[in-house]
Amino acid sequence: MSVMVLACGYLAIGSVAAVLTVIHRRSPIDAALMLGLWPLAGPLLLAAEPGADRRERELLTALRRAAATPLGAILPDQATGRALARRLRDAARRVREIDALLARPDFDAGAARARAAELERGGGSPCAVTTAALRAQTIDRLRQLRQRVAAELDEVGEIVAQLVAQAELVRLSGGLDDGAAELVRELVARIEGLDGFMAEPGIWSGGDPHPGGR
């Protein structure tokens, strides 16, 4: 098979992929990437489902754009990129779950402390007083976990934005520097570190947590 035939086939597939990208309301940049670099851009675009979390989409977009530059040589492979995106999605989902819990009246730490004080003043059993106080502490831990994960997600978001800027710099300058490689390593490490936040003991075991009972 001649090089010309291969080139025509490559462009034909890229053209179809670009048209489908436009039909699915992706950006013009995505369509251009699919036209010329569909073997690289295609899997990442497919990984970004329409219902994906905003941070997940931003990460996959950043990786996709960076893959079209010399940064592509040091980026995570496609499977790793999708796994990192899932970690971001899961962390953001946990934040939303905590927000939903903390909005419930029975997850009010102040009310739990007030209940413990009321039981103590009224001569309630030590077990009941201790359990009410423990519920307040557990709710506090949920709030602290939410703050830590949300702060980490914000920091990861800034690193993703910097990766996009760095990719443009590399594309225009045509060369890599130590800062670019370090940025990619930092991004991967921070996203993988989200698992540590999610492993907060005693909070997520058993599904929907109900500290101290309903």
C-alpha atoms as a PDB file:
ATOM      1  CA  MET A   1       0.000   0.000   0.000  1.00  0.00           C
ATOM      2  CA  SER A   2       1.464   3.334  -1.060  1.00  0.00           C
ATOM      3  CA  VAL A   3       2.170   6.255   1.253  1.00  0.00           C
ATOM      4  CA  MET A   4      -0.337   8.336  -0.703  1.00  0.00           C
ATOM      5  CA  VAL A   5      -3.122   5.818  -0.066  1.00  0.00           C
ATOM      6  CA  LEU A   6      -2.258   5.694   3.639  1.00  0.00           C
ATOM      7  CA  ALA A   7      -2.227   9.483   3.838  1.00  0.00           C
ATOM      8  CA  CYS A   8      -5.593   9.741   2.133  1.00  0.00           C
ATOM      9  CA  GLY A   9      -7.047   7.140   4.475  1.00  0.00           C
ATOM     10  CA  TYR A  10      -5.644   8.965   7.498  1.00  0.00           C
ATOM     11  CA  LEU A  11      -7.136  12.282   6.362  1.00  0.00           C
ATOM     12  CA  ALA A  12     -10.478  10.655   5.536  1.00  0.00           C
ATOM     13  CA  ILE A  13     -10.769   9.213   9.039  1.00  0.00           C
ATOM     14  CA  GLY A  14      -9.678  12.541  10.525  1.00  0.00           C
ATOM     15  CA  SER A  15     -12.277  14.411   8.472  1.00  0.00           C
ATOM     16  CA  VAL A  16     -15.082  12.123   9.649  1.00  0.00           C
ATOM     17  CA  ALA A  17     -13.887  12.427  13.232  1.00  0.00           C
ATOM     18  CA  ALA A  18     -13.755  16.231  12.963  1.00  0.00           C
ATOM     19  CA  VAL A  19     -17.295  16.382  11.563  1.00  0.00           C
ATOM     20  CA  LEU A  20     -18.574  14.150  14.382  1.00  0.00           C
ATOM     21  CA  THR A  21     -16.777  16.364  16.884  1.00  0.00           C
ATOM     22  CA  VAL A  22     -18.600  19.434  15.569  1.00  0.00           C
ATOM     23  CA  ILE A  23     -21.928  17.587  15.551  1.00  0.00           C
ATOM     24  CA  HIS A  24     -21.419  16.743  19.221  1.00  0.00           C
ATOM     25  CA  ARG A  25     -20.833  20.462  19.910  1.00  0.00           C
ATOM     26  CA  ARG A  26     -17.182  20.221  20.803  1.00  0.00           C
ATOM     27  CA  SER A  27     -14.922  23.232  20.400  1.00  0.00           C
ATOM     28  CA  PRO A  28     -13.242  24.165  17.085  1.00  0.00           C
ATOM     29  CA  ILE A  29      -9.898  23.319  18.689  1.00  0.00           C
ATOM     30  CA  ASP A  30     -11.145  19.799  19.414  1.00  0.00           C
ATOM     31  CA  ALA A  31     -12.297  19.454  15.805  1.00  0.00           C
ATOM     32  CA  ALA A  32      -8.903  20.607  14.515  1.00  0.00           C
ATOM     33  CA  LEU A  33      -7.119  18.153  16.789  1.00  0.00           C
ATOM     34  CA  MET A  34      -9.349  15.328  15.612  1.00  0.00           C
ATOM     35  CA  LEU A  35      -8.654  16.222  11.991  1.00  0.00           C
ATOM     36  CA  GLY A  36      -4.888  16.099  12.288  1.00  0.00           C
ATOM     37  CA  LEU A  37      -4.234  13.998  15.402  1.00  0.00           C
ATOM     38  CA  TRP A  38      -7.230  11.703  15.736  1.00  0.00           C
ATOM     39  CA  PRO A  39      -5.239   8.674  17.031  1.00  0.00           C
ATOM     40  CA  LEU A  40      -4.127  10.766  20.054  1.00  0.00           C
ATOM     41  CA  ALA A  41      -7.084  13.085  20.545  1.00  0.00           C
ATOM     42  CA  GLY A  42      -9.840  10.540  19.879  1.00  0.00           C
ATOM     43  CA  PRO A  43      -9.520   8.401  23.026  1.00  0.00           C
ATOM     44  CA  LEU A  44      -9.298  11.453  25.276  1.00  0.00           C
ATOM     45  CA  LEU A  45     -12.331  13.052  23.668  1.00  0.00           C
ATOM     46  CA  LEU A  46     -14.302   9.847  24.047  1.00  0.00           C
ATOM     47  CA  ALA A  47     -13.279   9.670  27.703  1.00  0.00           C
ATOM     48  CA  ALA A  48     -14.887  13.050  28.395  1.00  0.00           C
ATOM     49  CA  GLU A  49     -18.523  11.995  28.581  1.00  0.00           C
ATOM     50  CA  PRO A  50     -21.197  14.726  28.251  1.00  0.00           C
ATOM     51  CA  GLY A  51     -22.176  14.258  31.906  1.00  0.00           C
ATOM     52  CA  ALA A  52     -18.612  14.403  33.176  1.00  0.00           C
ATOM     53  CA  ASP A  53     -17.642  16.709  36.009  1.00  0.00           C
ATOM     54  CA  ARG A  54     -16.239  20.107  35.033  1.00  0.00           C
ATOM     55  CA  ARG A  55     -12.812  19.361  36.501  1.00  0.00           C
ATOM     56  CA  GLU A  56     -12.714  16.014  34.719  1.00  0.00           C
ATOM     57  CA  ARG A  57     -13.444  17.699  31.389  1.00  0.00           C
ATOM     58  CA  GLU A  58     -10.838  20.391  32.062  1.00  0.00           C
ATOM     59  CA  LEU A  59      -8.156  17.804  32.822  1.00  0.00           C
ATOM     60  CA  LEU A  60      -8.907  15.760  29.700  1.00  0.00           C
ATOM     61  CA  THR A  61      -8.962  18.930  27.594  1.00  0.00           C
ATOM     62  CA  ALA A  62      -5.604  19.999  29.026  1.00  0.00           C
ATOM     63  CA  LEU A  63      -4.066  16.590  28.331  1.00  0.00           C
ATOM     64  CA  ARG A  64      -5.534  16.573  24.842  1.00  0.00           C
ATOM     65  CA  ARG A  65      -4.111  19.974  23.970  1.00  0.00           C
ATOM     66  CA  ALA A  66      -0.757  19.205  25.546  1.00  0.00           C
ATOM     67  CA  ALA A  67      -0.559  15.925  23.602  1.00  0.00           C
ATOM     68  CA  ALA A  68      -0.397  17.950  20.377  1.00  0.00           C
ATOM     69  CA  THR A  69       2.833  19.641  21.566  1.00  0.00           C
ATOM     70  CA  PRO A  70       6.281  18.325  22.515  1.00  0.00           C
ATOM     71  CA  LEU A  71       4.809  17.894  26.018  1.00  0.00           C
ATOM     72  CA  GLY A  72       3.071  14.807  24.665  1.00  0.00           C
ATOM     73  CA  ALA A  73       6.279  12.829  25.170  1.00  0.00           C
ATOM     74  CA  ILE A  74       6.115  13.197  28.967  1.00  0.00           C
ATOM     75  CA  LEU A  75       2.345  13.100  29.517  1.00  0.00           C
ATOM     76  CA  PRO A  76       0.599  10.115  31.124  1.00  0.00           C
ATOM     77  CA  ASP A  77      -0.666   7.523  28.660  1.00  0.00           C
ATOM     78  CA  GLN A  78      -4.343   7.430  27.707  1.00  0.00           C
ATOM     79  CA  ALA A  79      -5.351   4.858  30.327  1.00  0.00           C
ATOM     80  CA  THR A  80      -3.599   6.799  33.079  1.00  0.00           C
ATOM     81  CA  GLY A  81      -5.181  10.047  31.902  1.00  0.00           C
ATOM     82  CA  ARG A  82      -8.657   8.524  32.114  1.00  0.00           C
ATOM     83  CA  ALA A  83      -7.903   7.077  35.552  1.00  0.00           C
ATOM     84  CA  LEU A  84      -6.736  10.479  36.790  1.00  0.00           C
ATOM     85  CA  ALA A  85      -9.898  12.080  35.410  1.00  0.00           C
ATOM     86  CA  ARG A  86     -12.026   9.522  37.264  1.00  0.00           C
ATOM     87  CA  ARG A  87     -10.219  10.373  40.489  1.00  0.00           C
ATOM     88  CA  LEU A  88     -11.091  14.036  40.016  1.00  0.00           C
ATOM     89  CA  ARG A  89     -14.720  13.147  39.289  1.00  0.00           C
ATOM     90  CA  ASP A  90     -14.952  10.925  42.368  1.00  0.00           C
ATOM     91  CA  ALA A  91     -13.430  13.576  44.629  1.00  0.00           C
ATOM     92  CA  ALA A  92     -15.816  16.242  43.340  1.00  0.00           C
ATOM     93  CA  ARG A  93     -18.727  13.837  43.835  1.00  0.00           C
ATOM     94  CA  ARG A  94     -17.686  13.261  47.448  1.00  0.00           C
ATOM     95  CA  VAL A  95     -17.654  17.010  48.066  1.00  0.00           C
ATOM     96  CA  ARG A  96     -21.218  17.209  46.744  1.00  0.00           C
ATOM     97  CA  GLU A  97     -22.228  14.270  48.938  1.00  0.00           C
ATOM     98  CA  ILE A  98     -20.815  15.967  52.024  1.00  0.00           C
ATOM     99  CA  ASP A  99     -22.577  19.218  51.115  1.00  0.00           C
ATOM    100  CA  ALA A 100     -25.878  17.324  50.872  1.00  0.00           C
ATOM    101  CA  LEU A 101     -25.290  15.705  54.265  1.00  0.00           C
ATOM    102  CA  LEU A 102     -24.326  18.957  55.987  1.00  0.00           C
ATOM    103  CA  ALA A 103     -27.503  20.591  54.659  1.00  0.00           C
ATOM    104  CA  ARG A 104     -29.611  18.102  56.622  1.00  0.00           C
ATOM    105  CA  PRO A 105     -30.937  19.144  60.068  1.00  0.00           C
ATOM    106  CA  ASP A 106     -29.625  15.948  61.689  1.00  0.00           C
ATOM    107  CA  PHE A 107     -26.111  16.828  60.497  1.00  0.00           C
ATOM    108  CA  ASP A 108     -25.964  20.119  62.411  1.00  0.00           C
ATOM    109  CA  ALA A 109     -22.943  19.953  64.733  1.00  0.00           C
ATOM    110  CA  GLY A 110     -24.245  22.837  66.844  1.00  0.00           C
ATOM    111  CA  ALA A 111     -27.542  21.077  67.375  1.00  0.00           C
ATOM    112  CA  ALA A 112     -25.724  17.872  68.330  1.00  0.00           C
ATOM    113  CA  ARG A 113     -23.658  19.739  70.929  1.00  0.00           C
ATOM    114  CA  ALA A 114     -26.766  21.436  72.255  1.00  0.00           C
ATOM    115  CA  ARG A 115     -28.428  18.031  72.545  1.00  0.00           C
ATOM    116  CA  ALA A 116     -25.436  16.650  74.474  1.00  0.00           C
ATOM    117  CA  ALA A 117     -25.567  19.609  76.879  1.00  0.00           C
ATOM    118  CA  GLU A 118     -29.323  19.192  77.286  1.00  0.00           C
ATOM    119  CA  LEU A 119     -28.935  15.509  78.109  1.00  0.00           C
ATOM    120  CA  GLU A 120     -26.197  16.265  80.611  1.00  0.00           C
ATOM    121  CA  ARG A 121     -28.251  18.955  82.363  1.00  0.00           C
ATOM    122  CA  GLY A 122     -31.314  16.722  82.426  1.00  0.00           C
ATOM    123  CA  GLY A 123     -29.490  13.819  84.006  1.00  0.00           C
ATOM    124  CA  GLY A 124     -29.308  11.716  80.841  1.00  0.00           C
ATOM    125  CA  SER A 125     -27.220   8.585  80.838  1.00  0.00           C
ATOM    126  CA  PRO A 126     -23.473   9.016  80.279  1.00  0.00           C
ATOM    127  CA  CYS A 127     -23.790   6.828  77.168  1.00  0.00           C
ATOM    128  CA  ALA A 128     -26.416   9.137  75.630  1.00  0.00           C
ATOM    129  CA  VAL A 129     -24.376  12.259  76.429  1.00  0.00           C
ATOM    130  CA  THR A 130     -21.214  10.717  74.991  1.00  0.00           C
ATOM    131  CA  THR A 131     -22.999   9.566  71.834  1.00  0.00           C
ATOM    132  CA  ALA A 132     -24.475  13.016  71.181  1.00  0.00           C
ATOM    133  CA  ALA A 133     -21.060  14.623  71.667  1.00  0.00           C
ATOM    134  CA  LEU A 134     -19.480  12.007  69.381  1.00  0.00           C
ATOM    135  CA  ARG A 135     -22.039  12.813  66.683  1.00  0.00           C
ATOM    136  CA  ALA A 136     -20.993  16.471  66.809  1.00  0.00           C
ATOM    137  CA  GLN A 137     -17.322  15.470  66.462  1.00  0.00           C
ATOM    138  CA  THR A 138     -18.063  13.227  63.490  1.00  0.00           C
ATOM    139  CA  ILE A 139     -19.981  16.014  61.753  1.00  0.00           C
ATOM    140  CA  ASP A 140     -17.017  18.309  62.373  1.00  0.00           C
ATOM    141  CA  ARG A 141     -14.758  15.732  60.726  1.00  0.00           C
ATOM    142  CA  LEU A 142     -17.052  15.656  57.711  1.00  0.00           C
ATOM    143  CA  ARG A 143     -16.850  19.428  57.410  1.00  0.00           C
ATOM    144  CA  GLN A 144     -13.058  19.380  57.740  1.00  0.00           C
ATOM    145  CA  LEU A 145     -12.794  16.637  55.123  1.00  0.00           C
ATOM    146  CA  ARG A 146     -14.954  18.680  52.776  1.00  0.00           C
ATOM    147  CA  GLN A 147     -12.737  21.731  53.234  1.00  0.00           C
ATOM    148  CA  ARG A 148      -9.535  19.768  52.624  1.00  0.00           C
ATOM    149  CA  VAL A 149     -10.787  17.997  49.503  1.00  0.00           C
ATOM    150  CA  ALA A 150     -12.319  21.177  48.069  1.00  0.00           C
ATOM    151  CA  ALA A 151      -9.061  23.079  48.653  1.00  0.00           C
ATOM    152  CA  GLU A 152      -7.064  20.308  47.002  1.00  0.00           C
ATOM    153  CA  LEU A 153      -9.420  20.286  44.010  1.00  0.00           C
ATOM    154  CA  ASP A 154      -8.958  24.048  43.645  1.00  0.00           C
ATOM    155  CA  GLU A 155      -5.179  23.627  43.665  1.00  0.00           C
ATOM    156  CA  VAL A 156      -5.358  20.819  41.104  1.00  0.00           C
ATOM    157  CA  GLY A 157      -7.525  23.078  38.953  1.00  0.00           C
ATOM    158  CA  GLU A 158      -4.832  25.750  38.988  1.00  0.00           C
ATOM    159  CA  ILE A 159      -2.199  23.184  37.991  1.00  0.00           C
ATOM    160  CA  VAL A 160      -4.420  22.048  35.104  1.00  0.00           C
ATOM    161  CA  ALA A 161      -4.774  25.667  33.952  1.00  0.00           C
ATOM    162  CA  GLN A 162      -0.998  26.070  34.154  1.00  0.00           C
ATOM    163  CA  LEU A 163      -0.544  22.895  32.097  1.00  0.00           C
ATOM    164  CA  VAL A 164      -2.642  24.455  29.327  1.00  0.00           C
ATOM    165  CA  ALA A 165      -0.515  27.617  29.433  1.00  0.00           C
ATOM    166  CA  GLN A 166       2.699  25.573  29.550  1.00  0.00           C
ATOM    167  CA  ALA A 167       1.572  23.510  26.564  1.00  0.00           C
ATOM    168  CA  GLU A 168       1.046  26.693  24.550  1.00  0.00           C
ATOM    169  CA  LEU A 169       4.487  27.949  25.556  1.00  0.00           C
ATOM    170  CA  VAL A 170       6.081  24.648  24.532  1.00  0.00           C
ATOM    171  CA  ARG A 171       4.147  24.635  21.270  1.00  0.00           C
ATOM    172  CA  LEU A 172       5.321  28.132  20.351  1.00  0.00           C
ATOM    173  CA  SER A 173       8.896  27.770  21.583  1.00  0.00           C
ATOM    174  CA  GLY A 174       9.288  24.229  20.262  1.00  0.00           C
ATOM    175  CA  GLY A 175      11.235  22.998  23.279  1.00  0.00           C
ATOM    176  CA  LEU A 176      10.734  21.440  26.693  1.00  0.00           C
ATOM    177  CA  ASP A 177      12.237  22.639  29.938  1.00  0.00           C
ATOM    178  CA  ASP A 178      12.541  21.180  33.429  1.00  0.00           C
ATOM    179  CA  GLY A 179       9.536  23.198  34.555  1.00  0.00           C
ATOM    180  CA  ALA A 180       7.222  21.453  32.107  1.00  0.00           C
ATOM    181  CA  ALA A 181       8.219  17.960  33.248  1.00  0.00           C
ATOM    182  CA  GLU A 182       7.945  18.985  36.896  1.00  0.00           C
ATOM    183  CA  LEU A 183       4.474  20.397  36.280  1.00  0.00           C
ATOM    184  CA  VAL A 184       3.268  17.099  34.805  1.00  0.00           C
ATOM    185  CA  ARG A 185       4.736  15.147  37.742  1.00  0.00           C
ATOM    186  CA  GLU A 186       3.107  17.526  40.217  1.00  0.00           C
ATOM    187  CA  LEU A 187      -0.274  17.207  38.516  1.00  0.00           C
ATOM    188  CA  VAL A 188      -0.188  13.405  38.559  1.00  0.00           C
ATOM    189  CA  ALA A 189       0.992  13.289  42.184  1.00  0.00           C
ATOM    190  CA  ARG A 190      -1.674  15.712  43.403  1.00  0.00           C
ATOM    191  CA  ILE A 191      -4.510  13.853  41.685  1.00  0.00           C
ATOM    192  CA  GLU A 192      -3.278  10.482  42.919  1.00  0.00           C
ATOM    193  CA  GLY A 193      -3.041  12.008  46.404  1.00  0.00           C
ATOM    194  CA  LEU A 194      -6.787  12.596  46.403  1.00  0.00           C
ATOM    195  CA  ASP A 195      -7.171   8.912  47.289  1.00  0.00           C
ATOM    196  CA  GLY A 196      -5.591   9.689  50.648  1.00  0.00           C
ATOM    197  CA  PHE A 197      -8.234  12.286  51.401  1.00  0.00           C
ATOM    198  CA  MET A 198     -10.977   9.880  50.399  1.00  0.00           C
ATOM    199  CA  ALA A 199      -9.647   7.241  52.814  1.00  0.00           C
ATOM    200  CA  GLU A 200     -10.667   9.248  55.901  1.00  0.00           C
ATOM    201  CA  PRO A 201     -11.250   6.481  58.508  1.00  0.00           C
ATOM    202  CA  GLY A 202     -14.780   5.809  59.626  1.00  0.00           C
ATOM    203  CA  ILE A 203     -16.560   8.302  57.384  1.00  0.00           C
ATOM    204  CA  TRP A 204     -17.287   6.425  54.166  1.00  0.00           C
ATOM    205  CA  SER A 205     -17.539   2.838  55.409  1.00  0.00           C
ATOM    206  CA  GLY A 206     -20.931   1.290  55.033  1.00  0.00           C
ATOM    207  CA  GLY A 207     -22.358   3.773  52.502  1.00  0.00           C
ATOM    208  CA  ASP A 208     -24.418   6.723  53.720  1.00  0.00           C
ATOM    209  CA  PRO A 209     -22.977   7.673  57.144  1.00  0.00           C
ATOM    210  CA  HIS A 210     -25.288   8.396  60.060  1.00  0.00           C
ATOM    211  CA  PRO A 211     -23.037   9.297  63.029  1.00  0.00           C
ATOM    212  CA  GLY A 212     -24.606   8.250  66.302  1.00  0.00           C
ATOM    213  CA  GLY A 213     -27.743   6.990  64.568  1.00  0.00           C
ATOM    214  CA  ARG A 214     -30.606   8.833  62.941  1.00  0.00           C
END
